[in-house]
Amino acid sequence: MSEKSFLTKFVQAGFTRIEVLETSQNRRTRNPEAYVVTLSAQKAARELRALQKETAKATLSRENAAQTLRELWLFPVAPETCNLACAHCLYAASPKSRNPYHLSADELSGLLAQVKSLGAKPHFLMTGGEPTLHSQLYDFLDTLDGQGYSFQLMTNGTRIDKESAERLSRMAHLKKVQVSLESADAKTNDSIYGAGLYRRVLKAVDTLREKDVPVTLAVTPMEINEEGLFAIEDLGKEKGADVKYISLYDLGAARENALQPSRGAGNGDSHSEFELMCDKGVAYSEGAFYPCPVLVKEPRTKLGDTLEEALSPESRKRVARLREVHSACQVCLKGST
């Protein structure tokens, strides 16, 4: 193939800036006419960025839910229901919680019917509290999987075993299991989560990876763990897991313990485009809808009992007002989470 034909293929593939940096003899072949070309090629991103910007302008609403409702946060158990009492939990969740709420199979069916009626196909984020405390959780995930919805499970990992990892591995639409870990240092991590949790979490990660289940380590950058943030990136690579940074909110246990966010880089999800959670979805907990998973324990932020109410013009105006005055919204505005 001539150099001209070679470069033409890049042009046909949509690259508009092509620069040949170096040519050298191909030492892997005896053909004296074969050589290696090192080049720099860039695709025209202007049109793509314009399209992304135009898409971002589309306001989440019931009329265009099919295009704009991209995430639905779902709490199988009450937000404060957990088997741990983490020092930074925005719901102050703990084993002492007496909230009896558990999502029922009929409730999930009703929710999916509402989603379908709007023509939407959101990504479901099963969260908590600790969602694995729900006895029907994996049945719920099977339901989502069977109906073709993409989803992820957000867990502290303490209840993941070989059986659950095997079941998760068979779910075609599972995008990842997000496991909470706050430091690559056992002492620092356990000062936040509790004694022995570092070992248990890493065992869960290993169990999931052995079944080829995609794993993301969720880290909340704070002053108490900021020195180990680079190390947890290395740990993620070692375990074959991604790393996601979660913003610290001055709510719940974090407020009670006077925890402060990290002073350096890593606040918020630095690996994704900036986009507020309330711009791309809603949260469902205890029979009602809210702007995002952060605000589900505040009655004044409730958007309605139905998905249509949550996406109504009135509700979207309320979300806009919350952004201006709520302290948690100000955290999100500083960086996507």
C-alpha atoms as a PDB file:
ATOM      1  CA  MET A   1       0.000   0.000   0.000  1.00  0.00           C
ATOM      2  CA  SER A   2       1.372   3.398  -0.926  1.00  0.00           C
ATOM      3  CA  GLU A   3       1.745   6.144   1.651  1.00  0.00           C
ATOM      4  CA  LYS A   4      -0.949   8.111  -0.153  1.00  0.00           C
ATOM      5  CA  SER A   5      -3.412   5.183   0.025  1.00  0.00           C
ATOM      6  CA  PHE A   6      -2.520   4.657   3.667  1.00  0.00           C
ATOM      7  CA  LEU A   7      -3.241   8.276   4.577  1.00  0.00           C
ATOM      8  CA  THR A   8      -6.417   8.270   2.470  1.00  0.00           C
ATOM      9  CA  LYS A   9      -7.861   5.594   4.752  1.00  0.00           C
ATOM     10  CA  PHE A  10      -7.461   7.940   7.727  1.00  0.00           C
ATOM     11  CA  VAL A  11      -9.243  10.717   5.850  1.00  0.00           C
ATOM     12  CA  GLN A  12     -12.092   8.347   4.990  1.00  0.00           C
ATOM     13  CA  ALA A  13     -12.322   7.386   8.686  1.00  0.00           C
ATOM     14  CA  GLY A  14     -13.027  11.020   9.613  1.00  0.00           C
ATOM     15  CA  PHE A  15      -9.569  12.229  10.630  1.00  0.00           C
ATOM     16  CA  THR A  16      -8.895  15.782   9.474  1.00  0.00           C
ATOM     17  CA  ARG A  17      -5.473  16.577  10.943  1.00  0.00           C
ATOM     18  CA  ILE A  18      -2.832  14.013   9.994  1.00  0.00           C
ATOM     19  CA  GLU A  19       0.879  14.535  10.565  1.00  0.00           C
ATOM     20  CA  VAL A  20       3.578  12.005   9.683  1.00  0.00           C
ATOM     21  CA  LEU A  21       6.055  12.103  12.561  1.00  0.00           C
ATOM     22  CA  GLU A  22       8.542   9.454  11.486  1.00  0.00           C
ATOM     23  CA  THR A  23       9.158   6.679   8.965  1.00  0.00           C
ATOM     24  CA  SER A  24      11.540   3.796   9.621  1.00  0.00           C
ATOM     25  CA  GLN A  25      12.408   0.413   8.171  1.00  0.00           C
ATOM     26  CA  ASN A  26      10.121  -2.435   9.225  1.00  0.00           C
ATOM     27  CA  ARG A  27      12.548  -4.858  10.850  1.00  0.00           C
ATOM     28  CA  ARG A  28       9.843  -7.494  11.346  1.00  0.00           C
ATOM     29  CA  THR A  29       9.863  -8.409   7.664  1.00  0.00           C
ATOM     30  CA  ARG A  30      12.499  -9.104   5.037  1.00  0.00           C
ATOM     31  CA  ASN A  31      10.669  -6.933   2.511  1.00  0.00           C
ATOM     32  CA  PRO A  32      13.049  -4.002   1.857  1.00  0.00           C
ATOM     33  CA  GLU A  33      10.129  -1.836   0.733  1.00  0.00           C
ATOM     34  CA  ALA A  34       8.187  -2.262   3.997  1.00  0.00           C
ATOM     35  CA  TYR A  35       8.473   0.487   6.548  1.00  0.00           C
ATOM     36  CA  VAL A  36       6.771   1.753   9.713  1.00  0.00           C
ATOM     37  CA  VAL A  37       4.935   5.048   9.758  1.00  0.00           C
ATOM     38  CA  THR A  38       4.431   6.918  13.036  1.00  0.00           C
ATOM     39  CA  LEU A  39       1.808   9.589  12.729  1.00  0.00           C
ATOM     40  CA  SER A  40      -0.458  11.836  14.714  1.00  0.00           C
ATOM     41  CA  ALA A  41      -4.111  11.858  13.649  1.00  0.00           C
ATOM     42  CA  GLN A  42      -7.023  13.789  15.132  1.00  0.00           C
ATOM     43  CA  LYS A  43     -10.691  13.528  14.341  1.00  0.00           C
ATOM     44  CA  ALA A  44     -12.749  16.658  13.842  1.00  0.00           C
ATOM     45  CA  ALA A  45     -14.375  17.047  17.235  1.00  0.00           C
ATOM     46  CA  ARG A  46     -16.135  20.343  16.584  1.00  0.00           C
ATOM     47  CA  GLU A  47     -19.273  18.748  15.185  1.00  0.00           C
ATOM     48  CA  LEU A  48     -19.300  16.132  17.949  1.00  0.00           C
ATOM     49  CA  ARG A  49     -18.933  18.767  20.663  1.00  0.00           C
ATOM     50  CA  ALA A  50     -21.700  20.819  19.091  1.00  0.00           C
ATOM     51  CA  LEU A  51     -23.960  17.775  19.092  1.00  0.00           C
ATOM     52  CA  GLN A  52     -23.110  17.009  22.733  1.00  0.00           C
ATOM     53  CA  LYS A  53     -23.780  20.621  23.690  1.00  0.00           C
ATOM     54  CA  GLU A  54     -27.104  20.586  21.872  1.00  0.00           C
ATOM     55  CA  THR A  55     -28.090  17.344  23.614  1.00  0.00           C
ATOM     56  CA  ALA A  56     -27.146  18.820  26.993  1.00  0.00           C
ATOM     57  CA  LYS A  57     -29.514  21.722  26.330  1.00  0.00           C
ATOM     58  CA  ALA A  58     -32.481  19.355  26.185  1.00  0.00           C
ATOM     59  CA  THR A  59     -34.202  19.743  29.533  1.00  0.00           C
ATOM     60  CA  LEU A  60     -35.288  16.632  31.364  1.00  0.00           C
ATOM     61  CA  SER A  61     -39.073  16.472  31.090  1.00  0.00           C
ATOM     62  CA  ARG A  62     -41.933  14.021  30.701  1.00  0.00           C
ATOM     63  CA  GLU A  63     -42.377  15.092  27.066  1.00  0.00           C
ATOM     64  CA  ASN A  64     -38.848  14.101  26.054  1.00  0.00           C
ATOM     65  CA  ALA A  65     -38.163  11.472  28.732  1.00  0.00           C
ATOM     66  CA  ALA A  66     -37.337   8.933  26.029  1.00  0.00           C
ATOM     67  CA  GLN A  67     -34.240  10.987  25.163  1.00  0.00           C
ATOM     68  CA  THR A  68     -33.330  12.697  28.436  1.00  0.00           C
ATOM     69  CA  LEU A  69     -34.204  10.314  31.292  1.00  0.00           C
ATOM     70  CA  ARG A  70     -30.910   8.461  31.317  1.00  0.00           C
ATOM     71  CA  GLU A  71     -30.550   7.484  34.984  1.00  0.00           C
ATOM     72  CA  LEU A  72     -32.908   6.265  37.657  1.00  0.00           C
ATOM     73  CA  TRP A  73     -31.500   5.809  41.155  1.00  0.00           C
ATOM     74  CA  LEU A  74     -33.367   3.082  43.004  1.00  0.00           C
ATOM     75  CA  PHE A  75     -33.271   2.310  46.734  1.00  0.00           C
ATOM     76  CA  PRO A  76     -34.314  -1.325  47.418  1.00  0.00           C
ATOM     77  CA  VAL A  77     -34.143  -0.541  51.146  1.00  0.00           C
ATOM     78  CA  ALA A  78     -34.444   2.733  53.047  1.00  0.00           C
ATOM     79  CA  PRO A  79     -31.363   4.967  52.578  1.00  0.00           C
ATOM     80  CA  GLU A  80     -30.454   4.736  56.270  1.00  0.00           C
ATOM     81  CA  THR A  81     -30.712   0.930  56.351  1.00  0.00           C
ATOM     82  CA  CYS A  82     -27.209  -0.543  56.393  1.00  0.00           C
ATOM     83  CA  ASN A  83     -25.050  -3.126  58.124  1.00  0.00           C
ATOM     84  CA  LEU A  84     -22.307  -0.522  58.584  1.00  0.00           C
ATOM     85  CA  ALA A  85     -22.125   2.907  60.208  1.00  0.00           C
ATOM     86  CA  CYS A  86     -19.602   4.765  58.048  1.00  0.00           C
ATOM     87  CA  ALA A  87     -18.136   7.999  59.361  1.00  0.00           C
ATOM     88  CA  HIS A  88     -19.054   9.972  56.222  1.00  0.00           C
ATOM     89  CA  CYS A  89     -22.476   8.527  55.301  1.00  0.00           C
ATOM     90  CA  LEU A  90     -24.790  11.291  54.118  1.00  0.00           C
ATOM     91  CA  TYR A  91     -27.808   9.341  55.444  1.00  0.00           C
ATOM     92  CA  ALA A  92     -26.190   8.486  58.800  1.00  0.00           C
ATOM     93  CA  ALA A  93     -27.041   4.872  57.929  1.00  0.00           C
ATOM     94  CA  SER A  94     -26.345   2.173  60.498  1.00  0.00           C
ATOM     95  CA  PRO A  95     -27.475  -1.243  61.754  1.00  0.00           C
ATOM     96  CA  LYS A  96     -29.523   0.650  64.345  1.00  0.00           C
ATOM     97  CA  SER A  97     -31.887   2.045  61.714  1.00  0.00           C
ATOM     98  CA  ARG A  98     -35.496   1.061  62.307  1.00  0.00           C
ATOM     99  CA  ASN A  99     -36.910   2.195  58.974  1.00  0.00           C
ATOM    100  CA  PRO A 100     -38.789  -0.905  57.711  1.00  0.00           C
ATOM    101  CA  TYR A 101     -39.073   0.182  54.070  1.00  0.00           C
ATOM    102  CA  HIS A 102     -38.302  -2.538  51.525  1.00  0.00           C
ATOM    103  CA  LEU A 103     -39.118  -2.214  47.833  1.00  0.00           C
ATOM    104  CA  SER A 104     -41.747  -4.788  46.853  1.00  0.00           C
ATOM    105  CA  ALA A 105     -41.924  -6.744  43.594  1.00  0.00           C
ATOM    106  CA  ASP A 106     -45.271  -5.086  42.784  1.00  0.00           C
ATOM    107  CA  GLU A 107     -43.759  -1.663  43.453  1.00  0.00           C
ATOM    108  CA  LEU A 108     -40.892  -2.378  41.078  1.00  0.00           C
ATOM    109  CA  SER A 109     -43.327  -3.585  38.409  1.00  0.00           C
ATOM    110  CA  GLY A 110     -45.335  -0.391  38.792  1.00  0.00           C
ATOM    111  CA  LEU A 111     -42.213   1.716  38.502  1.00  0.00           C
ATOM    112  CA  LEU A 112     -41.099  -0.066  35.337  1.00  0.00           C
ATOM    113  CA  ALA A 113     -44.578   0.413  33.883  1.00  0.00           C
ATOM    114  CA  GLN A 114     -44.268   4.159  34.457  1.00  0.00           C
ATOM    115  CA  VAL A 115     -40.863   4.203  32.773  1.00  0.00           C
ATOM    116  CA  LYS A 116     -42.198   2.241  29.809  1.00  0.00           C
ATOM    117  CA  SER A 117     -45.230   4.510  29.438  1.00  0.00           C
ATOM    118  CA  LEU A 118     -42.883   7.445  28.845  1.00  0.00           C
ATOM    119  CA  GLY A 119     -40.838   5.504  26.320  1.00  0.00           C
ATOM    120  CA  ALA A 120     -37.729   5.876  28.470  1.00  0.00           C
ATOM    121  CA  LYS A 121     -34.865   3.412  28.858  1.00  0.00           C
ATOM    122  CA  PRO A 122     -32.810   4.737  31.802  1.00  0.00           C
ATOM    123  CA  HIS A 123     -29.769   3.167  33.376  1.00  0.00           C
ATOM    124  CA  PHE A 124     -30.745   1.904  36.855  1.00  0.00           C
ATOM    125  CA  LEU A 125     -28.441   2.488  39.816  1.00  0.00           C
ATOM    126  CA  MET A 126     -29.351   0.151  42.687  1.00  0.00           C
ATOM    127  CA  THR A 127     -28.092   1.839  45.808  1.00  0.00           C
ATOM    128  CA  GLY A 128     -28.673   2.303  49.536  1.00  0.00           C
ATOM    129  CA  GLY A 129     -28.130   2.063  52.440  1.00  0.00           C
ATOM    130  CA  GLU A 130     -26.905  -1.390  51.669  1.00  0.00           C
ATOM    131  CA  PRO A 131     -29.045  -2.829  48.848  1.00  0.00           C
ATOM    132  CA  THR A 132     -27.901  -6.421  49.441  1.00  0.00           C
ATOM    133  CA  LEU A 133     -29.860  -6.378  52.701  1.00  0.00           C
ATOM    134  CA  HIS A 134     -32.985  -6.792  50.567  1.00  0.00           C
ATOM    135  CA  SER A 135     -33.824 -10.492  50.296  1.00  0.00           C
ATOM    136  CA  GLN A 136     -35.162 -10.075  46.731  1.00  0.00           C
ATOM    137  CA  LEU A 137     -32.389  -7.864  45.374  1.00  0.00           C
ATOM    138  CA  TYR A 138     -31.019 -10.372  42.878  1.00  0.00           C
ATOM    139  CA  ASP A 139     -34.534 -11.185  41.691  1.00  0.00           C
ATOM    140  CA  PHE A 140     -35.009  -7.452  41.054  1.00  0.00           C
ATOM    141  CA  LEU A 141     -31.743  -7.327  39.101  1.00  0.00           C
ATOM    142  CA  ASP A 142     -32.856 -10.334  37.075  1.00  0.00           C
ATOM    143  CA  THR A 143     -36.061  -8.454  36.270  1.00  0.00           C
ATOM    144  CA  LEU A 144     -34.128  -5.432  34.995  1.00  0.00           C
ATOM    145  CA  ASP A 145     -31.790  -7.681  33.069  1.00  0.00           C
ATOM    146  CA  GLY A 146     -34.662  -9.611  31.503  1.00  0.00           C
ATOM    147  CA  GLN A 147     -36.335  -6.406  30.335  1.00  0.00           C
ATOM    148  CA  GLY A 148     -33.141  -5.110  28.757  1.00  0.00           C
ATOM    149  CA  TYR A 149     -32.369  -2.255  31.162  1.00  0.00           C
ATOM    150  CA  SER A 150     -28.725  -1.521  31.876  1.00  0.00           C
ATOM    151  CA  PHE A 151     -27.955  -1.296  35.578  1.00  0.00           C
ATOM    152  CA  GLN A 152     -25.297  -1.263  38.250  1.00  0.00           C
ATOM    153  CA  LEU A 153     -25.114  -2.325  41.872  1.00  0.00           C
ATOM    154  CA  MET A 154     -23.645   0.007  44.499  1.00  0.00           C
ATOM    155  CA  THR A 155     -22.582  -1.856  47.622  1.00  0.00           C
ATOM    156  CA  ASN A 156     -20.151  -1.849  50.534  1.00  0.00           C
ATOM    157  CA  GLY A 157     -19.149  -5.331  49.424  1.00  0.00           C
ATOM    158  CA  THR A 158     -19.462  -7.032  52.784  1.00  0.00           C
ATOM    159  CA  ARG A 159     -22.262  -9.337  51.662  1.00  0.00           C
ATOM    160  CA  ILE A 160     -20.792 -10.352  48.310  1.00  0.00           C
ATOM    161  CA  ASP A 161     -19.919 -14.050  48.188  1.00  0.00           C
ATOM    162  CA  LYS A 162     -19.150 -16.598  45.449  1.00  0.00           C
ATOM    163  CA  GLU A 163     -22.826 -17.384  44.925  1.00  0.00           C
ATOM    164  CA  SER A 164     -23.863 -13.760  44.448  1.00  0.00           C
ATOM    165  CA  ALA A 165     -20.821 -13.074  42.240  1.00  0.00           C
ATOM    166  CA  GLU A 166     -21.750 -16.049  40.069  1.00  0.00           C
ATOM    167  CA  ARG A 167     -25.313 -14.805  39.742  1.00  0.00           C
ATOM    168  CA  LEU A 168     -24.161 -11.302  38.850  1.00  0.00           C
ATOM    169  CA  SER A 169     -21.803 -12.690  36.227  1.00  0.00           C
ATOM    170  CA  ARG A 170     -24.754 -14.159  34.334  1.00  0.00           C
ATOM    171  CA  MET A 171     -26.549 -10.806  33.972  1.00  0.00           C
ATOM    172  CA  ALA A 172     -25.953  -9.504  30.458  1.00  0.00           C
ATOM    173  CA  HIS A 173     -26.974  -5.895  31.188  1.00  0.00           C
ATOM    174  CA  LEU A 174     -24.999  -5.417  34.403  1.00  0.00           C
ATOM    175  CA  LYS A 175     -22.534  -2.597  33.723  1.00  0.00           C
ATOM    176  CA  LYS A 176     -20.602  -2.774  36.961  1.00  0.00           C
ATOM    177  CA  VAL A 177     -20.613  -3.389  40.673  1.00  0.00           C
ATOM    178  CA  GLN A 178     -19.480  -0.286  42.525  1.00  0.00           C
ATOM    179  CA  VAL A 179     -17.751  -1.164  45.793  1.00  0.00           C
ATOM    180  CA  SER A 180     -16.932   1.431  48.445  1.00  0.00           C
ATOM    181  CA  LEU A 181     -13.310   1.727  49.561  1.00  0.00           C
ATOM    182  CA  GLU A 182     -11.757   4.822  51.106  1.00  0.00           C
ATOM    183  CA  SER A 183      -8.057   4.049  51.162  1.00  0.00           C
ATOM    184  CA  ALA A 184      -5.420   1.596  50.024  1.00  0.00           C
ATOM    185  CA  ASP A 185      -4.222   1.729  53.618  1.00  0.00           C
ATOM    186  CA  ALA A 186      -6.143  -0.664  55.860  1.00  0.00           C
ATOM    187  CA  LYS A 187      -5.880   1.530  58.960  1.00  0.00           C
ATOM    188  CA  THR A 188      -7.198   4.636  57.196  1.00  0.00           C
ATOM    189  CA  ASN A 189      -9.994   2.754  55.455  1.00  0.00           C
ATOM    190  CA  ASP A 190     -11.131   1.028  58.636  1.00  0.00           C
ATOM    191  CA  SER A 191     -11.133   4.299  60.575  1.00  0.00           C
ATOM    192  CA  ILE A 192     -13.949   5.343  58.230  1.00  0.00           C
ATOM    193  CA  TYR A 193     -15.801   2.056  57.721  1.00  0.00           C
ATOM    194  CA  GLY A 194     -15.014  -0.052  60.767  1.00  0.00           C
ATOM    195  CA  ALA A 195     -12.472  -2.627  61.933  1.00  0.00           C
ATOM    196  CA  GLY A 196     -11.666  -5.378  59.447  1.00  0.00           C
ATOM    197  CA  LEU A 197     -13.580  -3.820  56.558  1.00  0.00           C
ATOM    198  CA  TYR A 198     -10.538  -3.307  54.333  1.00  0.00           C
ATOM    199  CA  ARG A 199      -9.854  -7.022  54.176  1.00  0.00           C
ATOM    200  CA  ARG A 200     -13.521  -7.883  53.624  1.00  0.00           C
ATOM    201  CA  VAL A 201     -13.953  -5.361  50.817  1.00  0.00           C
ATOM    202  CA  LEU A 202     -10.867  -6.534  48.925  1.00  0.00           C
ATOM    203  CA  LYS A 203     -12.057 -10.119  49.260  1.00  0.00           C
ATOM    204  CA  ALA A 204     -15.363  -9.081  47.674  1.00  0.00           C
ATOM    205  CA  VAL A 205     -13.530  -7.328  44.836  1.00  0.00           C
ATOM    206  CA  ASP A 206     -11.418 -10.429  44.197  1.00  0.00           C
ATOM    207  CA  THR A 207     -14.509 -12.649  44.267  1.00  0.00           C
ATOM    208  CA  LEU A 208     -16.265 -10.467  41.689  1.00  0.00           C
ATOM    209  CA  ARG A 209     -13.235 -10.190  39.425  1.00  0.00           C
ATOM    210  CA  GLU A 210     -12.743 -13.957  39.500  1.00  0.00           C
ATOM    211  CA  LYS A 211     -16.148 -14.147  37.792  1.00  0.00           C
ATOM    212  CA  ASP A 212     -15.213 -11.338  35.378  1.00  0.00           C
ATOM    213  CA  VAL A 213     -17.766  -8.983  36.919  1.00  0.00           C
ATOM    214  CA  PRO A 214     -16.748  -5.344  36.173  1.00  0.00           C
ATOM    215  CA  VAL A 215     -15.841  -3.530  39.394  1.00  0.00           C
ATOM    216  CA  THR A 216     -15.406   0.133  40.276  1.00  0.00           C
ATOM    217  CA  LEU A 217     -13.902   1.302  43.547  1.00  0.00           C
ATOM    218  CA  ALA A 218     -15.862   4.280  44.911  1.00  0.00           C
ATOM    219  CA  VAL A 219     -13.723   6.738  46.871  1.00  0.00           C
ATOM    220  CA  THR A 220     -14.771   9.876  48.731  1.00  0.00           C
ATOM    221  CA  PRO A 221     -11.788  12.288  48.865  1.00  0.00           C
ATOM    222  CA  MET A 222     -11.536  13.753  52.370  1.00  0.00           C
ATOM    223  CA  GLU A 223      -8.826  15.313  54.471  1.00  0.00           C
ATOM    224  CA  ILE A 224      -8.474  12.062  56.408  1.00  0.00           C
ATOM    225  CA  ASN A 225      -7.718   9.951  53.316  1.00  0.00           C
ATOM    226  CA  GLU A 226      -6.310  12.431  50.805  1.00  0.00           C
ATOM    227  CA  GLU A 227      -2.696  11.263  51.186  1.00  0.00           C
ATOM    228  CA  GLY A 228      -3.631   7.831  49.868  1.00  0.00           C
ATOM    229  CA  LEU A 229      -5.649   8.824  46.802  1.00  0.00           C
ATOM    230  CA  PHE A 230      -2.863   8.028  44.350  1.00  0.00           C
ATOM    231  CA  ALA A 231      -2.271   4.669  46.005  1.00  0.00           C
ATOM    232  CA  ILE A 232      -5.883   3.663  45.545  1.00  0.00           C
ATOM    233  CA  GLU A 233      -5.515   4.288  41.820  1.00  0.00           C
ATOM    234  CA  ASP A 234      -2.643   1.782  41.828  1.00  0.00           C
ATOM    235  CA  LEU A 235      -4.727  -0.643  43.866  1.00  0.00           C
ATOM    236  CA  GLY A 236      -7.514  -0.374  41.324  1.00  0.00           C
ATOM    237  CA  LYS A 237      -5.122  -1.268  38.493  1.00  0.00           C
ATOM    238  CA  GLU A 238      -3.817  -4.208  40.484  1.00  0.00           C
ATOM    239  CA  LYS A 239      -7.339  -5.535  41.022  1.00  0.00           C
ATOM    240  CA  GLY A 240      -8.534  -4.809  37.494  1.00  0.00           C
ATOM    241  CA  ALA A 241     -11.019  -2.236  38.797  1.00  0.00           C
ATOM    242  CA  ASP A 242     -11.840   1.337  37.826  1.00  0.00           C
ATOM    243  CA  VAL A 243     -11.844   4.142  40.392  1.00  0.00           C
ATOM    244  CA  LYS A 244     -14.642   6.683  40.802  1.00  0.00           C
ATOM    245  CA  TYR A 245     -14.488   9.725  43.089  1.00  0.00           C
ATOM    246  CA  ILE A 246     -17.595  10.677  45.033  1.00  0.00           C
ATOM    247  CA  SER A 247     -18.213  14.137  46.475  1.00  0.00           C
ATOM    248  CA  LEU A 248     -18.390  14.587  50.239  1.00  0.00           C
ATOM    249  CA  TYR A 249     -21.621  16.248  51.388  1.00  0.00           C
ATOM    250  CA  ASP A 250     -22.075  18.079  54.672  1.00  0.00           C
ATOM    251  CA  LEU A 251     -24.975  15.829  55.622  1.00  0.00           C
ATOM    252  CA  GLY A 252     -25.699  12.967  57.991  1.00  0.00           C
ATOM    253  CA  ALA A 253     -22.706  11.337  59.655  1.00  0.00           C
ATOM    254  CA  ALA A 254     -20.255  13.521  57.732  1.00  0.00           C
ATOM    255  CA  ARG A 255     -21.762  16.587  59.412  1.00  0.00           C
ATOM    256  CA  GLU A 256     -21.888  14.897  62.811  1.00  0.00           C
ATOM    257  CA  ASN A 257     -18.214  13.972  62.529  1.00  0.00           C
ATOM    258  CA  ALA A 258     -17.204  17.365  61.080  1.00  0.00           C
ATOM    259  CA  LEU A 259     -15.472  15.740  58.121  1.00  0.00           C
ATOM    260  CA  GLN A 260     -13.908  17.983  55.510  1.00  0.00           C
ATOM    261  CA  PRO A 261     -13.390  17.335  51.783  1.00  0.00           C
ATOM    262  CA  SER A 262      -9.938  16.796  50.366  1.00  0.00           C
ATOM    263  CA  ARG A 263      -7.997  19.994  49.796  1.00  0.00           C
ATOM    264  CA  GLY A 264      -6.420  18.674  46.622  1.00  0.00           C
ATOM    265  CA  ALA A 265      -7.474  17.054  43.371  1.00  0.00           C
ATOM    266  CA  GLY A 266      -9.925  14.218  43.242  1.00  0.00           C
ATOM    267  CA  ASN A 267     -13.069  15.907  44.528  1.00  0.00           C
ATOM    268  CA  GLY A 268     -16.006  14.754  42.485  1.00  0.00           C
ATOM    269  CA  ASP A 269     -15.798  12.388  39.555  1.00  0.00           C
ATOM    270  CA  SER A 270     -12.809  13.671  37.623  1.00  0.00           C
ATOM    271  CA  HIS A 271     -13.132  10.886  35.058  1.00  0.00           C
ATOM    272  CA  SER A 272     -16.408  11.929  33.473  1.00  0.00           C
ATOM    273  CA  GLU A 273     -17.945  14.909  31.767  1.00  0.00           C
ATOM    274  CA  PHE A 274     -19.453  17.473  34.088  1.00  0.00           C
ATOM    275  CA  GLU A 275     -23.157  16.793  34.346  1.00  0.00           C
ATOM    276  CA  LEU A 276     -25.437  17.111  37.327  1.00  0.00           C
ATOM    277  CA  MET A 277     -27.311  14.042  38.473  1.00  0.00           C
ATOM    278  CA  CYS A 278     -30.593  15.948  38.392  1.00  0.00           C
ATOM    279  CA  ASP A 279     -30.012  16.837  34.729  1.00  0.00           C
ATOM    280  CA  LYS A 280     -30.043  13.243  33.620  1.00  0.00           C
ATOM    281  CA  GLY A 281     -32.314  11.426  36.042  1.00  0.00           C
ATOM    282  CA  VAL A 282     -34.309  11.121  39.237  1.00  0.00           C
ATOM    283  CA  ALA A 283     -34.186   9.017  42.394  1.00  0.00           C
ATOM    284  CA  TYR A 284     -36.929   6.733  43.715  1.00  0.00           C
ATOM    285  CA  SER A 285     -37.106   5.869  47.407  1.00  0.00           C
ATOM    286  CA  GLU A 286     -39.869   4.922  49.815  1.00  0.00           C
ATOM    287  CA  GLY A 287     -42.609   5.378  47.229  1.00  0.00           C
ATOM    288  CA  ALA A 288     -41.630   8.842  46.000  1.00  0.00           C
ATOM    289  CA  PHE A 289     -39.355  10.592  43.515  1.00  0.00           C
ATOM    290  CA  TYR A 290     -36.568  13.076  44.287  1.00  0.00           C
ATOM    291  CA  PRO A 291     -34.108  15.140  42.208  1.00  0.00           C
ATOM    292  CA  CYS A 292     -31.143  12.924  43.067  1.00  0.00           C
ATOM    293  CA  PRO A 293     -30.009  10.245  45.558  1.00  0.00           C
ATOM    294  CA  VAL A 294     -28.438  12.857  47.831  1.00  0.00           C
ATOM    295  CA  LEU A 295     -31.758  14.509  48.709  1.00  0.00           C
ATOM    296  CA  VAL A 296     -34.014  11.489  49.245  1.00  0.00           C
ATOM    297  CA  LYS A 297     -34.232  11.989  53.015  1.00  0.00           C
ATOM    298  CA  GLU A 298     -35.524  15.559  52.766  1.00  0.00           C
ATOM    299  CA  PRO A 299     -39.332  15.807  52.468  1.00  0.00           C
ATOM    300  CA  ARG A 300     -39.131  19.339  51.069  1.00  0.00           C
ATOM    301  CA  THR A 301     -37.269  18.088  47.997  1.00  0.00           C
ATOM    302  CA  LYS A 302     -39.884  15.496  47.041  1.00  0.00           C
ATOM    303  CA  LEU A 303     -40.968  15.864  43.398  1.00  0.00           C
ATOM    304  CA  GLY A 304     -44.029  13.637  43.478  1.00  0.00           C
ATOM    305  CA  ASP A 305     -45.402  10.130  43.859  1.00  0.00           C
ATOM    306  CA  THR A 306     -45.276   9.351  40.131  1.00  0.00           C
ATOM    307  CA  LEU A 307     -42.620   9.659  37.469  1.00  0.00           C
ATOM    308  CA  GLU A 308     -44.802  12.017  35.467  1.00  0.00           C
ATOM    309  CA  GLU A 309     -45.073  14.343  38.461  1.00  0.00           C
ATOM    310  CA  ALA A 310     -41.307  14.202  38.978  1.00  0.00           C
ATOM    311  CA  LEU A 311     -40.726  15.246  35.365  1.00  0.00           C
ATOM    312  CA  SER A 312     -43.463  17.881  35.211  1.00  0.00           C
ATOM    313  CA  PRO A 313     -42.620  21.544  34.482  1.00  0.00           C
ATOM    314  CA  GLU A 314     -43.466  22.430  38.098  1.00  0.00           C
ATOM    315  CA  SER A 315     -41.034  19.841  39.453  1.00  0.00           C
ATOM    316  CA  ARG A 316     -38.248  20.902  37.125  1.00  0.00           C
ATOM    317  CA  LYS A 317     -38.694  24.496  38.305  1.00  0.00           C
ATOM    318  CA  ARG A 318     -38.377  23.276  41.891  1.00  0.00           C
ATOM    319  CA  VAL A 319     -35.146  21.501  40.980  1.00  0.00           C
ATOM    320  CA  ALA A 320     -33.795  24.711  39.467  1.00  0.00           C
ATOM    321  CA  ARG A 321     -34.637  26.618  42.656  1.00  0.00           C
ATOM    322  CA  LEU A 322     -32.991  23.962  44.826  1.00  0.00           C
ATOM    323  CA  ARG A 323     -29.771  24.353  42.885  1.00  0.00           C
ATOM    324  CA  GLU A 324     -29.652  27.986  43.887  1.00  0.00           C
ATOM    325  CA  VAL A 325     -30.178  27.524  47.618  1.00  0.00           C
ATOM    326  CA  HIS A 326     -29.386  23.980  48.782  1.00  0.00           C
ATOM    327  CA  SER A 327     -25.879  23.395  50.145  1.00  0.00           C
ATOM    328  CA  ALA A 328     -25.719  19.887  48.666  1.00  0.00           C
ATOM    329  CA  CYS A 329     -26.503  21.298  45.237  1.00  0.00           C
ATOM    330  CA  GLN A 330     -23.616  23.712  45.622  1.00  0.00           C
ATOM    331  CA  VAL A 331     -21.296  20.744  46.160  1.00  0.00           C
ATOM    332  CA  CYS A 332     -22.526  19.142  42.941  1.00  0.00           C
ATOM    333  CA  LEU A 333     -22.127  22.403  41.030  1.00  0.00           C
ATOM    334  CA  LYS A 334     -18.429  22.362  41.868  1.00  0.00           C
ATOM    335  CA  GLY A 335     -17.985  19.023  40.124  1.00  0.00           C
ATOM    336  CA  SER A 336     -19.966  16.052  38.833  1.00  0.00           C
ATOM    337  CA  THR A 337     -20.442  13.143  41.223  1.00  0.00           C
END
